[in-house]
Amino acid sequence: MKKLILLSIILFMVYICRGYTFQNEPNTFRGIKWGSSLANIKNMFQIEPPDNIGISCYKRKGDKLKIGEALLKSIKYYAFKDKFYFVDIEFNGINNFLILKKIFFQLYGLPQYNNDNFLAKSYIWKGVKVKISLIYFKTTEVGSLTYEYLPILEEKYNEIDRLSKKRQQERINKLRKKLGDEL
């Protein structure tokens, strides 16, 4: 009986630990290392200049719009302050979704999160540094596959928070100046 309880605890711990990471976590996307300058990558061209927090968007000339046999509509590469951190891939149709699902299950194992409701099917693999999301919207028959490099994503969120606090303080200072002695 004690052996059965011990075996149950061990199996439970293995199951729980599986939820914190996934196998084969990628340190690149199509040969581009996370954190690289996209401006220095061959055939990469900017389609959106840096916005007010430093996010810019690129496409790659001659990019193969396929993963396995799945046909892709587009691939966009994003940089935060000139550091590659995000990929957004769009595709159409349930067949392409099912092909991608099979590939990603084989490559990365079972996802940590999955959801299937009347609007969408989604699978998320979250590793130590990379999060991959595969989503298919049933009503529009459009899908999305994203890769997020979490260390730079955190930098981006910190910058957004810093700028938000700065703007809030500027509004407070402006209001105080306007109201003067009334406060």
N, C-alpha and C. Protein backbone atom coordinates (compact mmCIF):
# COMPACT_ATOMS: atom_id res chain seq x y z
N MET A 1 0.83 -1.20 0.00
CA MET A 1 0.00 0.00 0.00
C MET A 1 0.88 1.26 0.00
N LYS A 2 1.95 1.24 0.80
CA LYS A 2 2.85 2.40 0.86
C LYS A 2 3.51 2.63 -0.50
N LYS A 3 3.87 1.53 -1.19
CA LYS A 3 4.49 1.66 -2.50
C LYS A 3 3.52 2.29 -3.50
N LEU A 4 2.26 1.93 -3.42
CA LEU A 4 1.25 2.48 -4.31
C LEU A 4 1.07 3.98 -4.06
N ILE A 5 1.04 4.36 -2.80
CA ILE A 5 0.92 5.79 -2.45
C ILE A 5 2.14 6.55 -2.93
N LEU A 6 3.34 6.00 -2.71
CA LEU A 6 4.58 6.65 -3.14
C LEU A 6 4.61 6.78 -4.67
N LEU A 7 4.22 5.71 -5.37
CA LEU A 7 4.18 5.76 -6.83
C LEU A 7 3.18 6.81 -7.31
N SER A 8 2.04 6.90 -6.65
CA SER A 8 1.03 7.91 -7.01
C SER A 8 1.57 9.32 -6.82
N ILE A 9 2.28 9.55 -5.74
CA ILE A 9 2.86 10.87 -5.47
C ILE A 9 3.91 11.21 -6.53
N ILE A 10 4.76 10.26 -6.87
CA ILE A 10 5.79 10.50 -7.87
C ILE A 10 5.16 10.82 -9.22
N LEU A 11 4.17 10.03 -9.62
CA LEU A 11 3.50 10.29 -10.91
C LEU A 11 2.81 11.65 -10.91
N PHE A 12 2.21 12.03 -9.80
CA PHE A 12 1.56 13.33 -9.69
C PHE A 12 2.59 14.45 -9.83
N MET A 13 3.75 14.30 -9.19
CA MET A 13 4.80 15.33 -9.26
C MET A 13 5.33 15.46 -10.69
N VAL A 14 5.51 14.34 -11.36
CA VAL A 14 5.96 14.37 -12.76
C VAL A 14 4.93 15.11 -13.61
N TYR A 15 3.66 14.84 -13.39
CA TYR A 15 2.59 15.49 -14.14
C TYR A 15 2.58 17.00 -13.87
N ILE A 16 2.72 17.39 -12.60
CA ILE A 16 2.73 18.81 -12.23
C ILE A 16 3.94 19.51 -12.83
N CYS A 17 5.12 18.91 -12.72
CA CYS A 17 6.33 19.53 -13.25
C CYS A 17 6.27 19.72 -14.76
N ARG A 18 5.60 18.82 -15.47
CA ARG A 18 5.45 18.94 -16.91
C ARG A 18 4.77 20.25 -17.28
N GLY A 19 3.94 20.77 -16.41
CA GLY A 19 3.19 21.99 -16.70
C GLY A 19 4.01 23.26 -16.68
N TYR A 20 5.25 23.21 -16.23
CA TYR A 20 6.05 24.42 -16.11
C TYR A 20 6.91 24.71 -17.34
N THR A 21 7.09 23.75 -18.20
CA THR A 21 7.90 23.98 -19.38
C THR A 21 7.48 22.98 -20.46
N PHE A 22 8.04 23.12 -21.64
CA PHE A 22 7.75 22.16 -22.69
C PHE A 22 9.05 21.69 -23.32
N GLN A 23 9.01 20.56 -24.00
CA GLN A 23 10.21 20.00 -24.61
C GLN A 23 10.63 20.82 -25.82
N ASN A 24 11.92 20.84 -26.09
CA ASN A 24 12.49 21.47 -27.29
C ASN A 24 12.20 22.96 -27.40
N GLU A 25 12.25 23.67 -26.28
CA GLU A 25 11.99 25.12 -26.32
C GLU A 25 12.95 25.80 -27.29
N PRO A 26 12.41 26.53 -28.29
CA PRO A 26 13.29 27.11 -29.32
C PRO A 26 14.06 28.35 -28.84
N ASN A 27 15.34 28.44 -29.23
CA ASN A 27 16.10 29.65 -28.92
C ASN A 27 16.26 30.52 -30.15
N THR A 28 15.61 30.10 -31.25
CA THR A 28 15.59 30.89 -32.48
C THR A 28 14.23 30.68 -33.16
N PHE A 29 13.94 31.54 -34.13
CA PHE A 29 12.84 31.30 -35.05
C PHE A 29 13.40 31.46 -36.45
N ARG A 30 13.32 30.42 -37.23
CA ARG A 30 13.85 30.39 -38.59
C ARG A 30 15.29 30.91 -38.65
N GLY A 31 16.06 30.46 -37.67
CA GLY A 31 17.48 30.80 -37.64
C GLY A 31 17.81 32.15 -37.03
N ILE A 32 16.81 32.91 -36.61
CA ILE A 32 17.05 34.23 -36.01
C ILE A 32 17.00 34.09 -34.50
N LYS A 33 18.09 34.39 -33.85
CA LYS A 33 18.18 34.27 -32.40
C LYS A 33 17.36 35.37 -31.72
N TRP A 34 16.65 34.98 -30.67
CA TRP A 34 15.88 35.96 -29.90
C TRP A 34 16.83 37.05 -29.40
N GLY A 35 16.39 38.30 -29.47
CA GLY A 35 17.20 39.42 -29.02
C GLY A 35 18.07 40.03 -30.11
N SER A 36 18.13 39.39 -31.28
CA SER A 36 18.94 39.91 -32.39
C SER A 36 18.33 41.19 -32.95
N SER A 37 19.16 41.97 -33.61
CA SER A 37 18.69 43.15 -34.33
C SER A 37 18.12 42.69 -35.67
N LEU A 38 16.83 42.89 -35.88
CA LEU A 38 16.20 42.48 -37.14
C LEU A 38 16.70 43.31 -38.31
N ALA A 39 17.12 44.54 -38.04
CA ALA A 39 17.62 45.42 -39.10
C ALA A 39 18.87 44.84 -39.75
N ASN A 40 19.58 43.97 -39.04
CA ASN A 40 20.82 43.39 -39.55
C ASN A 40 20.64 42.02 -40.19
N ILE A 41 19.40 41.55 -40.28
CA ILE A 41 19.13 40.23 -40.85
C ILE A 41 18.92 40.36 -42.36
N LYS A 42 19.57 39.49 -43.11
CA LYS A 42 19.47 39.52 -44.58
C LYS A 42 18.01 39.37 -45.01
N ASN A 43 17.61 40.17 -45.98
CA ASN A 43 16.27 40.17 -46.61
C ASN A 43 15.15 40.64 -45.69
N MET A 44 15.48 41.16 -44.52
CA MET A 44 14.47 41.66 -43.59
C MET A 44 14.21 43.13 -43.91
N PHE A 45 12.93 43.52 -43.98
CA PHE A 45 12.62 44.92 -44.22
C PHE A 45 11.53 45.38 -43.26
N GLN A 46 11.65 46.61 -42.85
CA GLN A 46 10.73 47.18 -41.86
C GLN A 46 9.43 47.59 -42.54
N ILE A 47 8.29 47.16 -41.96
CA ILE A 47 7.00 47.58 -42.51
C ILE A 47 6.29 48.57 -41.58
N GLU A 48 6.74 48.63 -40.33
CA GLU A 48 6.22 49.62 -39.38
C GLU A 48 7.39 50.15 -38.56
N PRO A 49 7.63 51.48 -38.61
CA PRO A 49 8.74 52.04 -37.83
C PRO A 49 8.44 51.95 -36.34
N PRO A 50 9.46 52.14 -35.50
CA PRO A 50 9.23 52.06 -34.05
C PRO A 50 8.13 53.02 -33.58
N ASP A 51 7.25 52.50 -32.75
CA ASP A 51 6.20 53.34 -32.18
C ASP A 51 6.76 54.08 -30.96
N ASN A 52 5.88 54.70 -30.17
CA ASN A 52 6.34 55.53 -29.06
C ASN A 52 7.02 54.74 -27.93
N ILE A 53 6.88 53.42 -27.90
CA ILE A 53 7.61 52.65 -26.89
C ILE A 53 8.75 51.83 -27.50
N GLY A 54 8.89 51.88 -28.81
CA GLY A 54 10.02 51.22 -29.45
C GLY A 54 9.73 49.90 -30.13
N ILE A 55 8.45 49.62 -30.46
CA ILE A 55 8.10 48.38 -31.15
C ILE A 55 8.06 48.64 -32.65
N SER A 56 8.80 47.82 -33.40
CA SER A 56 8.80 47.92 -34.86
C SER A 56 8.48 46.55 -35.45
N CYS A 57 7.98 46.57 -36.67
CA CYS A 57 7.53 45.33 -37.33
C CYS A 57 8.28 45.15 -38.64
N TYR A 58 8.64 43.90 -38.93
CA TYR A 58 9.40 43.55 -40.12
C TYR A 58 8.75 42.37 -40.85
N LYS A 59 9.08 42.27 -42.12
CA LYS A 59 8.80 41.08 -42.91
C LYS A 59 10.11 40.66 -43.55
N ARG A 60 10.15 39.42 -44.01
CA ARG A 60 11.36 38.89 -44.62
C ARG A 60 11.08 38.56 -46.08
N LYS A 61 11.82 39.20 -46.98
CA LYS A 61 11.68 38.95 -48.41
C LYS A 61 12.03 37.49 -48.68
N GLY A 62 11.13 36.80 -49.41
CA GLY A 62 11.38 35.41 -49.75
C GLY A 62 11.09 34.42 -48.64
N ASP A 63 10.43 34.89 -47.57
CA ASP A 63 10.09 33.99 -46.46
C ASP A 63 9.20 32.86 -46.97
N LYS A 64 9.51 31.66 -46.60
CA LYS A 64 8.71 30.49 -47.00
C LYS A 64 7.42 30.50 -46.19
N LEU A 65 6.30 30.65 -46.86
CA LEU A 65 5.01 30.74 -46.18
C LEU A 65 4.40 29.34 -45.99
N LYS A 66 5.19 28.48 -45.36
CA LYS A 66 4.77 27.12 -45.04
C LYS A 66 5.46 26.67 -43.76
N ILE A 67 4.76 25.85 -43.00
CA ILE A 67 5.37 25.07 -41.92
C ILE A 67 4.89 23.65 -42.19
N GLY A 68 5.81 22.77 -42.52
CA GLY A 68 5.41 21.44 -42.98
C GLY A 68 4.57 21.62 -44.23
N GLU A 69 3.39 21.02 -44.23
CA GLU A 69 2.46 21.17 -45.36
C GLU A 69 1.42 22.27 -45.13
N ALA A 70 1.48 22.93 -43.96
CA ALA A 70 0.52 24.00 -43.65
C ALA A 70 0.90 25.26 -44.41
N LEU A 71 -0.09 25.83 -45.10
CA LEU A 71 0.11 27.07 -45.84
C LEU A 71 -0.16 28.25 -44.92
N LEU A 72 0.75 29.22 -44.95
CA LEU A 72 0.64 30.41 -44.09
C LEU A 72 0.25 31.61 -44.93
N LYS A 73 -0.49 32.52 -44.33
CA LYS A 73 -0.90 33.75 -45.01
C LYS A 73 0.20 34.81 -44.88
N SER A 74 0.76 34.94 -43.67
CA SER A 74 1.82 35.94 -43.46
C SER A 74 2.65 35.59 -42.23
N ILE A 75 3.87 36.14 -42.21
CA ILE A 75 4.76 36.04 -41.05
C ILE A 75 5.29 37.44 -40.79
N LYS A 76 5.07 37.93 -39.58
CA LYS A 76 5.59 39.24 -39.18
C LYS A 76 6.52 39.04 -37.99
N TYR A 77 7.63 39.78 -38.02
CA TYR A 77 8.64 39.72 -36.97
C TYR A 77 8.63 41.06 -36.24
N TYR A 78 8.65 41.04 -34.91
CA TYR A 78 8.59 42.27 -34.14
C TYR A 78 9.84 42.42 -33.28
N ALA A 79 10.26 43.68 -33.14
CA ALA A 79 11.40 44.01 -32.29
C ALA A 79 10.96 45.07 -31.28
N PHE A 80 11.51 44.97 -30.10
CA PHE A 80 11.34 46.00 -29.08
C PHE A 80 12.71 46.61 -28.85
N LYS A 81 12.82 47.91 -29.13
CA LYS A 81 14.09 48.62 -29.02
C LYS A 81 15.19 47.86 -29.76
N ASP A 82 14.85 47.46 -30.98
CA ASP A 82 15.76 46.78 -31.91
C ASP A 82 16.18 45.38 -31.45
N LYS A 83 15.38 44.75 -30.59
CA LYS A 83 15.67 43.38 -30.14
C LYS A 83 14.49 42.48 -30.51
N PHE A 84 14.75 41.45 -31.30
CA PHE A 84 13.75 40.51 -31.79
C PHE A 84 13.12 39.77 -30.61
N TYR A 85 11.74 39.85 -30.53
CA TYR A 85 11.07 39.22 -29.40
C TYR A 85 9.73 38.57 -29.73
N PHE A 86 9.18 38.76 -30.93
CA PHE A 86 7.82 38.30 -31.18
C PHE A 86 7.64 37.95 -32.65
N VAL A 87 6.91 36.84 -32.91
CA VAL A 87 6.56 36.44 -34.28
C VAL A 87 5.05 36.26 -34.32
N ASP A 88 4.43 36.80 -35.36
CA ASP A 88 2.99 36.65 -35.57
C ASP A 88 2.76 36.02 -36.93
N ILE A 89 2.17 34.83 -36.92
CA ILE A 89 1.92 34.08 -38.15
C ILE A 89 0.42 33.93 -38.32
N GLU A 90 -0.08 34.24 -39.50
CA GLU A 90 -1.50 34.08 -39.78
C GLU A 90 -1.68 32.98 -40.82
N PHE A 91 -2.80 32.25 -40.69
CA PHE A 91 -3.14 31.21 -41.66
C PHE A 91 -4.65 31.12 -41.76
N ASN A 92 -5.13 30.46 -42.80
CA ASN A 92 -6.57 30.26 -43.02
C ASN A 92 -6.90 28.77 -43.03
N GLY A 93 -8.09 28.43 -42.55
CA GLY A 93 -8.63 27.10 -42.72
C GLY A 93 -8.30 26.09 -41.64
N ILE A 94 -9.27 25.23 -41.40
CA ILE A 94 -9.13 24.18 -40.38
C ILE A 94 -8.05 23.18 -40.75
N ASN A 95 -7.87 22.90 -42.04
CA ASN A 95 -6.84 21.93 -42.44
C ASN A 95 -5.44 22.40 -42.06
N ASN A 96 -5.15 23.66 -42.30
CA ASN A 96 -3.85 24.20 -41.91
C ASN A 96 -3.69 24.17 -40.39
N PHE A 97 -4.76 24.49 -39.67
CA PHE A 97 -4.72 24.41 -38.21
C PHE A 97 -4.39 22.99 -37.74
N LEU A 98 -5.06 22.02 -38.30
CA LEU A 98 -4.84 20.63 -37.88
C LEU A 98 -3.42 20.15 -38.20
N ILE A 99 -2.88 20.58 -39.33
CA ILE A 99 -1.50 20.24 -39.67
C ILE A 99 -0.54 20.85 -38.65
N LEU A 100 -0.74 22.15 -38.34
CA LEU A 100 0.12 22.83 -37.37
C LEU A 100 -0.01 22.20 -35.99
N LYS A 101 -1.23 21.87 -35.60
CA LYS A 101 -1.46 21.23 -34.30
C LYS A 101 -0.66 19.93 -34.21
N LYS A 102 -0.73 19.11 -35.23
CA LYS A 102 -0.01 17.83 -35.24
C LYS A 102 1.51 18.07 -35.14
N ILE A 103 2.02 19.00 -35.92
CA ILE A 103 3.46 19.31 -35.91
C ILE A 103 3.89 19.77 -34.52
N PHE A 104 3.11 20.70 -33.93
CA PHE A 104 3.52 21.27 -32.64
C PHE A 104 3.38 20.27 -31.49
N PHE A 105 2.39 19.40 -31.55
CA PHE A 105 2.28 18.35 -30.54
C PHE A 105 3.48 17.40 -30.64
N GLN A 106 3.89 17.07 -31.86
CA GLN A 106 5.04 16.19 -32.05
C GLN A 106 6.33 16.86 -31.62
N LEU A 107 6.48 18.13 -31.95
CA LEU A 107 7.71 18.85 -31.66
C LEU A 107 7.83 19.27 -30.19
N TYR A 108 6.74 19.76 -29.60
CA TYR A 108 6.80 20.34 -28.26
C TYR A 108 6.06 19.54 -27.19
N GLY A 109 5.39 18.47 -27.58
CA GLY A 109 4.66 17.67 -26.60
C GLY A 109 3.29 18.28 -26.32
N LEU A 110 2.67 17.79 -25.27
CA LEU A 110 1.35 18.30 -24.89
C LEU A 110 1.46 19.76 -24.43
N PRO A 111 0.51 20.60 -24.82
CA PRO A 111 0.54 21.99 -24.36
C PRO A 111 0.16 22.09 -22.89
N GLN A 112 0.65 23.14 -22.23
CA GLN A 112 0.28 23.37 -20.83
C GLN A 112 -1.16 23.81 -20.72
N TYR A 113 -1.64 24.52 -21.72
CA TYR A 113 -3.00 25.06 -21.69
C TYR A 113 -3.68 24.74 -23.01
N ASN A 114 -4.95 24.38 -22.94
CA ASN A 114 -5.73 24.24 -24.17
C ASN A 114 -7.17 24.59 -23.85
N ASN A 115 -7.83 25.06 -24.88
CA ASN A 115 -9.23 25.47 -24.73
C ASN A 115 -9.94 25.20 -26.05
N ASP A 116 -11.14 24.69 -25.94
CA ASP A 116 -11.96 24.46 -27.13
C ASP A 116 -13.38 24.86 -26.77
N ASN A 117 -13.81 25.97 -27.34
CA ASN A 117 -15.20 26.41 -27.12
C ASN A 117 -15.85 26.70 -28.46
N PHE A 118 -17.03 27.26 -28.45
CA PHE A 118 -17.75 27.47 -29.70
C PHE A 118 -17.12 28.54 -30.59
N LEU A 119 -16.24 29.37 -30.04
CA LEU A 119 -15.60 30.42 -30.83
C LEU A 119 -14.22 30.03 -31.37
N ALA A 120 -13.43 29.31 -30.53
CA ALA A 120 -12.04 29.07 -30.90
C ALA A 120 -11.48 27.82 -30.25
N LYS A 121 -10.40 27.35 -30.86
CA LYS A 121 -9.57 26.29 -30.28
C LYS A 121 -8.21 26.93 -30.05
N SER A 122 -7.62 26.68 -28.88
CA SER A 122 -6.30 27.26 -28.63
C SER A 122 -5.43 26.30 -27.83
N TYR A 123 -4.13 26.37 -28.12
CA TYR A 123 -3.11 25.57 -27.44
C TYR A 123 -1.95 26.50 -27.10
N ILE A 124 -1.43 26.38 -25.88
CA ILE A 124 -0.32 27.23 -25.45
C ILE A 124 0.76 26.36 -24.82
N TRP A 125 1.97 26.55 -25.34
CA TRP A 125 3.16 25.94 -24.77
C TRP A 125 3.97 27.07 -24.16
N LYS A 126 4.20 27.03 -22.86
CA LYS A 126 4.96 28.08 -22.19
C LYS A 126 6.19 27.48 -21.55
N GLY A 127 7.33 27.93 -22.02
CA GLY A 127 8.60 27.47 -21.49
C GLY A 127 9.21 28.48 -20.55
N VAL A 128 10.48 28.32 -20.28
CA VAL A 128 11.19 29.24 -19.40
C VAL A 128 11.34 30.60 -20.07
N LYS A 129 11.64 30.59 -21.37
CA LYS A 129 11.89 31.85 -22.09
C LYS A 129 10.97 32.10 -23.27
N VAL A 130 10.27 31.07 -23.75
CA VAL A 130 9.45 31.23 -24.95
C VAL A 130 8.03 30.71 -24.70
N LYS A 131 7.07 31.46 -25.21
CA LYS A 131 5.66 31.05 -25.16
C LYS A 131 5.17 30.95 -26.60
N ILE A 132 4.54 29.82 -26.93
CA ILE A 132 3.99 29.60 -28.26
C ILE A 132 2.49 29.41 -28.13
N SER A 133 1.73 30.15 -28.93
CA SER A 133 0.26 30.05 -28.91
C SER A 133 -0.23 29.71 -30.30
N LEU A 134 -1.08 28.70 -30.38
CA LEU A 134 -1.72 28.30 -31.63
C LEU A 134 -3.23 28.44 -31.43
N ILE A 135 -3.85 29.32 -32.21
CA ILE A 135 -5.28 29.63 -32.03
C ILE A 135 -5.98 29.53 -33.38
N TYR A 136 -7.16 28.93 -33.36
CA TYR A 136 -8.00 28.86 -34.56
C TYR A 136 -9.38 29.39 -34.22
N PHE A 137 -9.83 30.42 -34.93
CA PHE A 137 -11.13 31.03 -34.72
C PHE A 137 -12.14 30.35 -35.65
N LYS A 138 -13.06 29.62 -35.05
CA LYS A 138 -13.99 28.78 -35.81
C LYS A 138 -14.93 29.60 -36.71
N THR A 139 -15.39 30.73 -36.22
CA THR A 139 -16.39 31.49 -36.98
C THR A 139 -15.80 32.15 -38.21
N THR A 140 -14.54 32.59 -38.14
CA THR A 140 -13.91 33.26 -39.28
C THR A 140 -12.99 32.34 -40.07
N GLU A 141 -12.71 31.16 -39.52
CA GLU A 141 -11.81 30.18 -40.13
C GLU A 141 -10.42 30.74 -40.37
N VAL A 142 -9.98 31.58 -39.43
CA VAL A 142 -8.66 32.19 -39.47
C VAL A 142 -7.89 31.73 -38.24
N GLY A 143 -6.58 31.54 -38.42
CA GLY A 143 -5.76 31.10 -37.31
C GLY A 143 -4.56 31.99 -37.09
N SER A 144 -3.99 31.85 -35.89
CA SER A 144 -2.83 32.63 -35.50
C SER A 144 -1.86 31.73 -34.75
N LEU A 145 -0.59 31.89 -35.07
CA LEU A 145 0.48 31.19 -34.37
C LEU A 145 1.46 32.26 -33.94
N THR A 146 1.71 32.36 -32.64
CA THR A 146 2.64 33.38 -32.16
C THR A 146 3.75 32.76 -31.31
N TYR A 147 4.91 33.37 -31.40
CA TYR A 147 6.05 33.05 -30.55
C TYR A 147 6.39 34.33 -29.78
N GLU A 148 6.56 34.21 -28.48
CA GLU A 148 6.91 35.37 -27.65
C GLU A 148 8.17 35.04 -26.86
N TYR A 149 9.17 35.88 -26.96
CA TYR A 149 10.39 35.71 -26.16
C TYR A 149 10.18 36.48 -24.86
N LEU A 150 9.98 35.75 -23.79
CA LEU A 150 9.48 36.31 -22.53
C LEU A 150 10.41 37.32 -21.86
N PRO A 151 11.75 37.15 -21.86
CA PRO A 151 12.58 38.18 -21.22
C PRO A 151 12.42 39.57 -21.84
N ILE A 152 12.34 39.65 -23.17
CA ILE A 152 12.17 40.96 -23.81
C ILE A 152 10.73 41.43 -23.68
N LEU A 153 9.78 40.52 -23.69
CA LEU A 153 8.38 40.88 -23.47
C LEU A 153 8.22 41.55 -22.10
N GLU A 154 8.92 41.03 -21.11
CA GLU A 154 8.89 41.64 -19.77
C GLU A 154 9.50 43.04 -19.80
N GLU A 155 10.59 43.21 -20.54
CA GLU A 155 11.18 44.55 -20.70
C GLU A 155 10.16 45.51 -21.30
N LYS A 156 9.44 45.03 -22.31
CA LYS A 156 8.43 45.86 -22.97
C LYS A 156 7.35 46.28 -21.98
N TYR A 157 6.84 45.32 -21.21
CA TYR A 157 5.80 45.64 -20.23
C TYR A 157 6.31 46.62 -19.18
N ASN A 158 7.56 46.48 -18.76
CA ASN A 158 8.15 47.42 -17.80
C ASN A 158 8.23 48.82 -18.39
N GLU A 159 8.58 48.91 -19.67
CA GLU A 159 8.65 50.21 -20.34
C GLU A 159 7.27 50.84 -20.47
N ILE A 160 6.27 50.04 -20.80
CA ILE A 160 4.89 50.53 -20.88
C ILE A 160 4.45 51.06 -19.52
N ASP A 161 4.75 50.32 -18.47
CA ASP A 161 4.41 50.73 -17.11
C ASP A 161 5.11 52.04 -16.74
N ARG A 162 6.41 52.14 -17.07
CA ARG A 162 7.19 53.35 -16.77
C ARG A 162 6.61 54.56 -17.49
N LEU A 163 6.29 54.40 -18.78
CA LEU A 163 5.73 55.50 -19.55
C LEU A 163 4.34 55.89 -19.06
N SER A 164 3.56 54.92 -18.66
CA SER A 164 2.22 55.19 -18.13
C SER A 164 2.30 56.00 -16.84
N LYS A 165 3.20 55.62 -15.96
CA LYS A 165 3.39 56.36 -14.70
C LYS A 165 3.90 57.77 -14.98
N LYS A 166 4.79 57.90 -15.96
CA LYS A 166 5.33 59.21 -16.32
C LYS A 166 4.21 60.12 -16.84
N ARG A 167 3.37 59.59 -17.74
CA ARG A 167 2.25 60.38 -18.28
C ARG A 167 1.26 60.76 -17.18
N GLN A 168 1.00 59.83 -16.28
CA GLN A 168 0.09 60.12 -15.18
C GLN A 168 0.65 61.24 -14.30
N GLN A 169 1.94 61.20 -14.01
CA GLN A 169 2.56 62.25 -13.20
C GLN A 169 2.53 63.59 -13.92
N GLU A 170 2.74 63.57 -15.24
CA GLU A 170 2.68 64.80 -16.03
C GLU A 170 1.28 65.40 -15.98
N ARG A 171 0.23 64.56 -16.06
CA ARG A 171 -1.15 65.06 -15.97
C ARG A 171 -1.42 65.66 -14.59
N ILE A 172 -0.93 65.00 -13.56
CA ILE A 172 -1.12 65.50 -12.18
C ILE A 172 -0.42 66.84 -12.03
N ASN A 173 0.81 66.94 -12.51
CA ASN A 173 1.56 68.20 -12.40
C ASN A 173 0.88 69.32 -13.17
N LYS A 174 0.35 69.01 -14.34
CA LYS A 174 -0.35 70.00 -15.15
C LYS A 174 -1.61 70.48 -14.43
N LEU A 175 -2.35 69.56 -13.84
CA LEU A 175 -3.57 69.90 -13.10
C LEU A 175 -3.23 70.74 -11.87
N ARG A 176 -2.17 70.37 -11.16
CA ARG A 176 -1.76 71.14 -9.98
C ARG A 176 -1.37 72.56 -10.37
N LYS A 177 -0.65 72.69 -11.50
CA LYS A 177 -0.24 74.02 -11.97
C LYS A 177 -1.48 74.85 -12.34
N LYS A 178 -2.44 74.20 -12.99
CA LYS A 178 -3.66 74.88 -13.42
C LYS A 178 -4.48 75.34 -12.20
N LEU A 179 -4.61 74.45 -11.22
CA LEU A 179 -5.41 74.77 -10.05
C LEU A 179 -4.68 75.66 -9.05
N GLY A 180 -3.35 75.58 -9.05
CA GLY A 180 -2.55 76.42 -8.19
C GLY A 180 -2.93 76.31 -6.71
N ASP A 181 -3.31 77.44 -6.12
CA ASP A 181 -3.60 77.50 -4.69
C ASP A 181 -4.95 76.90 -4.31
N GLU A 182 -5.72 76.48 -5.31
CA GLU A 182 -7.04 75.92 -5.00
C GLU A 182 -6.94 74.56 -4.32
N LEU A 183 -5.80 73.92 -4.36
CA LEU A 183 -5.63 72.60 -3.74
C LEU A 183 -5.20 72.71 -2.31
